[in-house]
N, C-alpha and C. Protein backbone atom coordinates (compact mmCIF):
# COMPACT_ATOMS: atom_id res chain seq x y z
N GLN A 1 123.27 107.08 56.51
CA GLN A 1 122.70 108.31 55.96
C GLN A 1 121.98 109.08 57.07
N VAL A 2 122.20 110.37 57.11
CA VAL A 2 121.57 111.24 58.10
C VAL A 2 120.83 112.34 57.36
N GLN A 3 119.61 112.56 57.74
CA GLN A 3 118.84 113.68 57.19
C GLN A 3 118.66 114.73 58.28
N LEU A 4 118.87 115.98 57.92
CA LEU A 4 118.82 117.09 58.86
C LEU A 4 117.74 118.07 58.41
N VAL A 5 116.90 118.47 59.35
CA VAL A 5 115.82 119.41 59.05
C VAL A 5 115.89 120.57 60.04
N GLU A 6 116.14 121.76 59.51
CA GLU A 6 116.19 122.96 60.35
C GLU A 6 114.82 123.61 60.45
N SER A 7 114.61 124.33 61.54
CA SER A 7 113.40 125.12 61.72
C SER A 7 113.70 126.26 62.67
N GLY A 8 112.77 127.21 62.75
CA GLY A 8 112.90 128.29 63.71
C GLY A 8 113.33 129.62 63.12
N GLY A 9 113.62 129.65 61.84
CA GLY A 9 114.00 130.90 61.23
C GLY A 9 112.81 131.84 61.11
N GLY A 10 113.10 133.09 60.74
CA GLY A 10 112.04 134.06 60.57
C GLY A 10 112.57 135.46 60.51
N LEU A 11 111.65 136.41 60.65
CA LEU A 11 111.98 137.83 60.62
C LEU A 11 111.95 138.38 62.03
N VAL A 12 113.00 139.09 62.41
CA VAL A 12 113.10 139.64 63.75
C VAL A 12 113.76 141.00 63.67
N GLN A 13 113.42 141.88 64.60
CA GLN A 13 114.06 143.19 64.64
C GLN A 13 115.45 143.09 65.27
N ALA A 14 116.29 144.02 64.93
CA ALA A 14 117.63 144.08 65.53
C ALA A 14 117.50 144.13 67.05
N GLY A 15 118.34 143.36 67.71
CA GLY A 15 118.31 143.25 69.16
C GLY A 15 117.44 142.11 69.66
N GLY A 16 116.68 141.52 68.77
CA GLY A 16 115.81 140.43 69.14
C GLY A 16 116.52 139.09 69.19
N SER A 17 115.73 138.03 69.41
CA SER A 17 116.26 136.69 69.56
C SER A 17 115.48 135.70 68.71
N LEU A 18 116.15 134.64 68.34
CA LEU A 18 115.54 133.49 67.68
C LEU A 18 116.24 132.23 68.17
N ARG A 19 115.53 131.13 68.14
CA ARG A 19 116.16 129.84 68.42
C ARG A 19 115.91 128.91 67.25
N LEU A 20 116.99 128.48 66.65
CA LEU A 20 116.91 127.51 65.56
C LEU A 20 117.05 126.10 66.11
N SER A 21 116.36 125.18 65.47
CA SER A 21 116.47 123.76 65.82
C SER A 21 116.85 122.97 64.57
N CYS A 22 117.55 121.89 64.78
CA CYS A 22 117.91 120.99 63.68
C CYS A 22 117.70 119.57 64.19
N VAL A 23 116.75 118.89 63.59
CA VAL A 23 116.44 117.52 63.98
C VAL A 23 117.08 116.55 62.99
N ALA A 24 117.75 115.55 63.52
CA ALA A 24 118.42 114.56 62.68
C ALA A 24 117.68 113.23 62.72
N SER A 25 117.65 112.59 61.55
CA SER A 25 117.07 111.26 61.49
C SER A 25 118.13 110.24 61.91
N GLY A 26 117.69 109.03 62.20
CA GLY A 26 118.64 107.98 62.49
C GLY A 26 118.93 107.82 63.96
N ARG A 27 119.59 106.71 64.29
CA ARG A 27 119.84 106.36 65.68
C ARG A 27 121.24 106.71 66.15
N THR A 28 122.03 107.29 65.26
CA THR A 28 123.43 107.51 65.58
C THR A 28 123.76 108.98 65.72
N PHE A 29 122.79 109.78 66.10
CA PHE A 29 123.01 111.23 66.20
C PHE A 29 124.18 111.55 67.12
N SER A 30 124.29 110.83 68.22
CA SER A 30 125.34 111.15 69.20
C SER A 30 126.74 110.85 68.68
N SER A 31 126.84 110.19 67.55
CA SER A 31 128.16 109.90 66.98
C SER A 31 128.61 110.98 66.00
N TYR A 32 127.81 112.01 65.83
CA TYR A 32 128.14 113.10 64.92
C TYR A 32 128.41 114.39 65.68
N ALA A 33 129.49 115.05 65.33
CA ALA A 33 129.66 116.44 65.74
C ALA A 33 128.74 117.27 64.86
N MET A 34 128.27 118.38 65.40
CA MET A 34 127.30 119.19 64.68
C MET A 34 127.78 120.62 64.54
N GLY A 35 127.41 121.23 63.43
CA GLY A 35 127.79 122.62 63.22
C GLY A 35 126.64 123.42 62.62
N TRP A 36 126.73 124.72 62.81
CA TRP A 36 125.84 125.67 62.14
C TRP A 36 126.69 126.58 61.25
N PHE A 37 126.23 126.76 60.05
CA PHE A 37 126.86 127.66 59.09
C PHE A 37 125.79 128.60 58.56
N ARG A 38 126.22 129.67 57.92
CA ARG A 38 125.25 130.58 57.32
C ARG A 38 125.79 131.13 56.00
N GLN A 39 124.86 131.53 55.16
CA GLN A 39 125.24 132.08 53.86
C GLN A 39 124.31 133.23 53.51
N ALA A 40 124.90 134.39 53.37
CA ALA A 40 124.17 135.58 52.95
C ALA A 40 124.24 135.71 51.43
N PRO A 41 123.30 136.43 50.84
CA PRO A 41 123.30 136.58 49.37
C PRO A 41 124.62 137.14 48.87
N GLY A 42 125.18 136.48 47.87
CA GLY A 42 126.41 136.96 47.27
C GLY A 42 127.67 136.67 48.06
N LYS A 43 127.53 135.93 49.16
CA LYS A 43 128.69 135.64 50.00
C LYS A 43 128.88 134.13 50.12
N GLU A 44 130.08 133.74 50.53
CA GLU A 44 130.37 132.33 50.74
C GLU A 44 129.74 131.86 52.06
N ARG A 45 129.53 130.56 52.12
CA ARG A 45 129.03 129.98 53.36
C ARG A 45 130.10 130.13 54.43
N GLU A 46 129.68 130.56 55.61
CA GLU A 46 130.64 130.79 56.68
C GLU A 46 130.25 130.05 57.95
N PHE A 47 131.27 129.71 58.71
CA PHE A 47 131.10 129.01 59.97
C PHE A 47 130.47 129.93 61.01
N VAL A 48 129.55 129.37 61.78
CA VAL A 48 128.94 130.09 62.89
C VAL A 48 129.36 129.49 64.22
N THR A 49 129.08 128.19 64.39
CA THR A 49 129.37 127.53 65.65
C THR A 49 129.33 126.02 65.45
N ALA A 50 129.93 125.29 66.38
CA ALA A 50 129.94 123.83 66.32
C ALA A 50 130.00 123.25 67.72
N ILE A 51 129.59 121.99 67.81
CA ILE A 51 129.56 121.31 69.11
C ILE A 51 130.00 119.88 68.92
N SER A 52 130.74 119.38 69.88
CA SER A 52 131.25 118.01 69.79
C SER A 52 130.16 116.98 70.08
N TRP A 53 130.51 115.73 69.94
CA TRP A 53 129.55 114.64 70.05
C TRP A 53 128.82 114.65 71.39
N SER A 54 129.54 114.86 72.45
CA SER A 54 128.92 114.84 73.78
C SER A 54 128.40 116.20 74.21
N GLY A 55 128.77 117.22 73.47
CA GLY A 55 128.42 118.59 73.86
C GLY A 55 129.46 119.22 74.76
N GLY A 56 130.52 118.50 75.04
CA GLY A 56 131.52 119.01 75.96
C GLY A 56 132.41 120.10 75.40
N SER A 57 132.48 120.19 74.07
CA SER A 57 133.31 121.22 73.43
C SER A 57 132.47 122.01 72.45
N THR A 58 132.62 123.32 72.50
CA THR A 58 131.91 124.19 71.56
C THR A 58 132.89 125.18 70.94
N TYR A 59 132.54 125.64 69.76
CA TYR A 59 133.38 126.56 69.00
C TYR A 59 132.49 127.63 68.39
N TYR A 60 132.99 128.87 68.37
CA TYR A 60 132.21 129.98 67.85
C TYR A 60 133.04 130.87 66.95
N ALA A 61 132.40 131.38 65.92
CA ALA A 61 133.03 132.44 65.14
C ALA A 61 133.09 133.70 66.00
N ASP A 62 134.11 134.50 65.79
CA ASP A 62 134.26 135.72 66.59
C ASP A 62 133.05 136.63 66.45
N SER A 63 132.43 136.61 65.29
CA SER A 63 131.32 137.53 65.03
C SER A 63 130.08 137.23 65.85
N VAL A 64 129.99 136.02 66.40
CA VAL A 64 128.79 135.64 67.15
C VAL A 64 129.09 135.31 68.60
N LYS A 65 130.35 135.31 68.96
CA LYS A 65 130.74 134.94 70.32
C LYS A 65 130.09 135.88 71.32
N GLY A 66 129.49 135.30 72.35
CA GLY A 66 128.81 136.09 73.36
C GLY A 66 127.36 136.38 73.05
N ARG A 67 126.94 136.13 71.82
CA ARG A 67 125.54 136.38 71.43
C ARG A 67 124.81 135.09 71.08
N PHE A 68 125.51 134.14 70.50
CA PHE A 68 124.91 132.87 70.08
C PHE A 68 125.37 131.75 71.00
N THR A 69 124.49 130.75 71.17
CA THR A 69 124.83 129.58 71.98
C THR A 69 124.35 128.33 71.27
N ILE A 70 125.25 127.38 71.10
CA ILE A 70 124.89 126.09 70.52
C ILE A 70 124.72 125.08 71.65
N SER A 71 123.77 124.18 71.47
CA SER A 71 123.57 123.10 72.43
C SER A 71 122.98 121.91 71.68
N ARG A 72 122.98 120.78 72.33
CA ARG A 72 122.40 119.59 71.71
C ARG A 72 121.73 118.73 72.75
N ASP A 73 120.72 117.99 72.30
CA ASP A 73 120.01 117.04 73.13
C ASP A 73 120.04 115.72 72.37
N ASN A 74 120.95 114.85 72.74
CA ASN A 74 121.12 113.60 72.00
C ASN A 74 119.91 112.68 72.13
N ALA A 75 119.16 112.80 73.21
CA ALA A 75 117.95 111.99 73.38
C ALA A 75 116.87 112.39 72.38
N LYS A 76 116.92 113.63 71.93
CA LYS A 76 115.93 114.14 70.98
C LYS A 76 116.49 114.28 69.57
N ASN A 77 117.74 113.85 69.38
CA ASN A 77 118.39 113.98 68.06
C ASN A 77 118.34 115.41 67.53
N THR A 78 118.55 116.36 68.41
CA THR A 78 118.36 117.76 68.04
C THR A 78 119.54 118.62 68.49
N VAL A 79 119.92 119.54 67.63
CA VAL A 79 120.90 120.56 67.98
C VAL A 79 120.21 121.91 67.86
N TYR A 80 120.55 122.82 68.77
CA TYR A 80 119.90 124.12 68.85
C TYR A 80 120.91 125.23 68.62
N LEU A 81 120.39 126.35 68.14
CA LEU A 81 121.19 127.56 68.05
C LEU A 81 120.36 128.70 68.61
N GLN A 82 120.71 129.13 69.81
CA GLN A 82 120.05 130.27 70.43
C GLN A 82 120.79 131.53 69.99
N MET A 83 120.06 132.44 69.37
CA MET A 83 120.65 133.66 68.84
C MET A 83 120.04 134.86 69.53
N ASN A 84 120.87 135.59 70.25
CA ASN A 84 120.43 136.79 70.97
C ASN A 84 121.12 138.02 70.40
N SER A 85 120.58 139.17 70.73
CA SER A 85 121.17 140.45 70.28
C SER A 85 121.45 140.42 68.78
N LEU A 86 120.46 140.01 68.03
CA LEU A 86 120.66 139.85 66.60
C LEU A 86 120.91 141.19 65.91
N LYS A 87 121.74 141.14 64.88
CA LYS A 87 122.11 142.31 64.11
C LYS A 87 121.70 142.11 62.65
N PRO A 88 121.50 143.19 61.91
CA PRO A 88 121.17 143.03 60.48
C PRO A 88 122.19 142.18 59.72
N GLU A 89 123.44 142.25 60.12
CA GLU A 89 124.47 141.47 59.43
C GLU A 89 124.39 139.97 59.73
N ASP A 90 123.51 139.58 60.64
CA ASP A 90 123.26 138.15 60.88
C ASP A 90 122.28 137.57 59.87
N THR A 91 121.70 138.41 59.04
CA THR A 91 120.75 137.95 58.04
C THR A 91 121.41 136.99 57.07
N ALA A 92 120.83 135.80 56.94
CA ALA A 92 121.41 134.76 56.09
C ALA A 92 120.50 133.54 56.13
N VAL A 93 120.81 132.59 55.27
CA VAL A 93 120.23 131.25 55.39
C VAL A 93 121.16 130.47 56.32
N TYR A 94 120.58 129.85 57.33
CA TYR A 94 121.36 129.11 58.32
C TYR A 94 121.20 127.61 58.05
N TYR A 95 122.33 126.94 58.03
CA TYR A 95 122.37 125.50 57.75
C TYR A 95 122.97 124.75 58.93
N CYS A 96 122.38 123.62 59.26
CA CYS A 96 123.06 122.74 60.20
C CYS A 96 123.76 121.63 59.42
N ALA A 97 124.78 121.08 60.01
CA ALA A 97 125.59 120.07 59.35
C ALA A 97 126.10 119.06 60.37
N ALA A 98 126.33 117.84 59.89
CA ALA A 98 126.80 116.75 60.76
C ALA A 98 128.13 116.22 60.25
N ALA A 99 129.02 115.95 61.18
CA ALA A 99 130.36 115.48 60.84
C ALA A 99 130.68 114.19 61.57
N ARG A 100 131.18 113.21 60.82
CA ARG A 100 131.68 111.99 61.44
C ARG A 100 133.10 112.26 61.95
N SER A 101 133.55 111.41 62.84
CA SER A 101 134.94 111.54 63.29
C SER A 101 135.89 111.12 62.19
N PRO A 102 137.13 111.59 62.18
CA PRO A 102 137.64 112.66 63.03
C PRO A 102 137.10 114.01 62.61
N TRP A 103 137.40 115.00 63.37
CA TRP A 103 136.78 116.32 63.19
C TRP A 103 137.80 117.38 63.60
N PRO A 104 138.91 117.43 62.89
CA PRO A 104 140.02 118.29 63.35
C PRO A 104 139.78 119.79 63.13
N ARG A 105 138.93 120.14 62.21
CA ARG A 105 138.73 121.57 61.89
C ARG A 105 137.24 121.89 61.89
N PRO A 106 136.66 122.13 63.05
CA PRO A 106 135.21 122.33 63.16
C PRO A 106 134.66 123.47 62.31
N SER A 107 135.48 124.44 61.95
CA SER A 107 134.99 125.58 61.19
C SER A 107 135.06 125.38 59.69
N ASN A 108 135.57 124.24 59.26
CA ASN A 108 135.76 123.98 57.84
C ASN A 108 134.57 123.22 57.28
N THR A 109 133.96 123.74 56.22
CA THR A 109 132.79 123.07 55.65
C THR A 109 133.11 121.66 55.16
N TYR A 110 134.35 121.43 54.76
CA TYR A 110 134.71 120.11 54.21
C TYR A 110 134.73 119.02 55.28
N GLU A 111 134.68 119.39 56.54
CA GLU A 111 134.65 118.41 57.62
C GLU A 111 133.29 117.76 57.77
N TYR A 112 132.26 118.33 57.15
CA TYR A 112 130.90 117.90 57.40
C TYR A 112 130.37 117.03 56.26
N ASN A 113 129.70 115.96 56.66
CA ASN A 113 129.24 114.96 55.71
C ASN A 113 127.79 115.15 55.27
N TYR A 114 126.98 115.75 56.12
CA TYR A 114 125.56 115.90 55.83
C TYR A 114 125.13 117.34 56.14
N TRP A 115 124.20 117.83 55.33
CA TRP A 115 123.71 119.20 55.46
C TRP A 115 122.20 119.24 55.39
N GLY A 116 121.63 120.17 56.16
CA GLY A 116 120.21 120.42 56.04
C GLY A 116 119.90 121.34 54.88
N GLN A 117 118.62 121.64 54.70
CA GLN A 117 118.19 122.45 53.57
C GLN A 117 118.27 123.95 53.87
N GLY A 118 118.44 124.29 55.12
CA GLY A 118 118.58 125.70 55.50
C GLY A 118 117.29 126.34 55.95
N THR A 119 117.43 127.35 56.79
CA THR A 119 116.29 128.14 57.24
C THR A 119 116.69 129.61 57.20
N GLN A 120 115.79 130.45 56.72
CA GLN A 120 116.10 131.86 56.52
C GLN A 120 115.94 132.63 57.83
N VAL A 121 116.95 133.44 58.13
CA VAL A 121 116.90 134.37 59.25
C VAL A 121 117.08 135.77 58.69
N THR A 122 116.13 136.64 58.95
CA THR A 122 116.20 138.01 58.48
C THR A 122 116.08 138.95 59.68
N VAL A 123 117.06 139.82 59.82
CA VAL A 123 117.08 140.77 60.94
C VAL A 123 116.93 142.17 60.36
N SER A 124 115.87 142.83 60.74
CA SER A 124 115.61 144.17 60.23
C SER A 124 116.20 145.22 61.16
N SER A 125 116.60 146.33 60.59
CA SER A 125 117.21 147.41 61.39
C SER A 125 116.17 148.41 61.86
């Protein structure tokens, strides 16, 4: 069992930055691929970015490519999401998720076994 706790959300003006963190419980963090998803009111949960177990592979949605960066620190059981040049359309609840192997479709919510409770990100125009 893995518990995930996100933090770092908040209110920011368009063009600003935020860094989200997701801390995982347990000793096997490095055996999980990690992803970030988001859900805006009235919309389905959508893929944002993901990172492989070692951090050697990363994946991004087209909408955030070049603005967001995912990273992980396995010694700290933490995955990060650095968000720059934020836009009002980035407003959503952001969730981190953990996936056991195999992990053939990093952008698919069904690949992930554990989810955090989410953190709100609001970008004002």
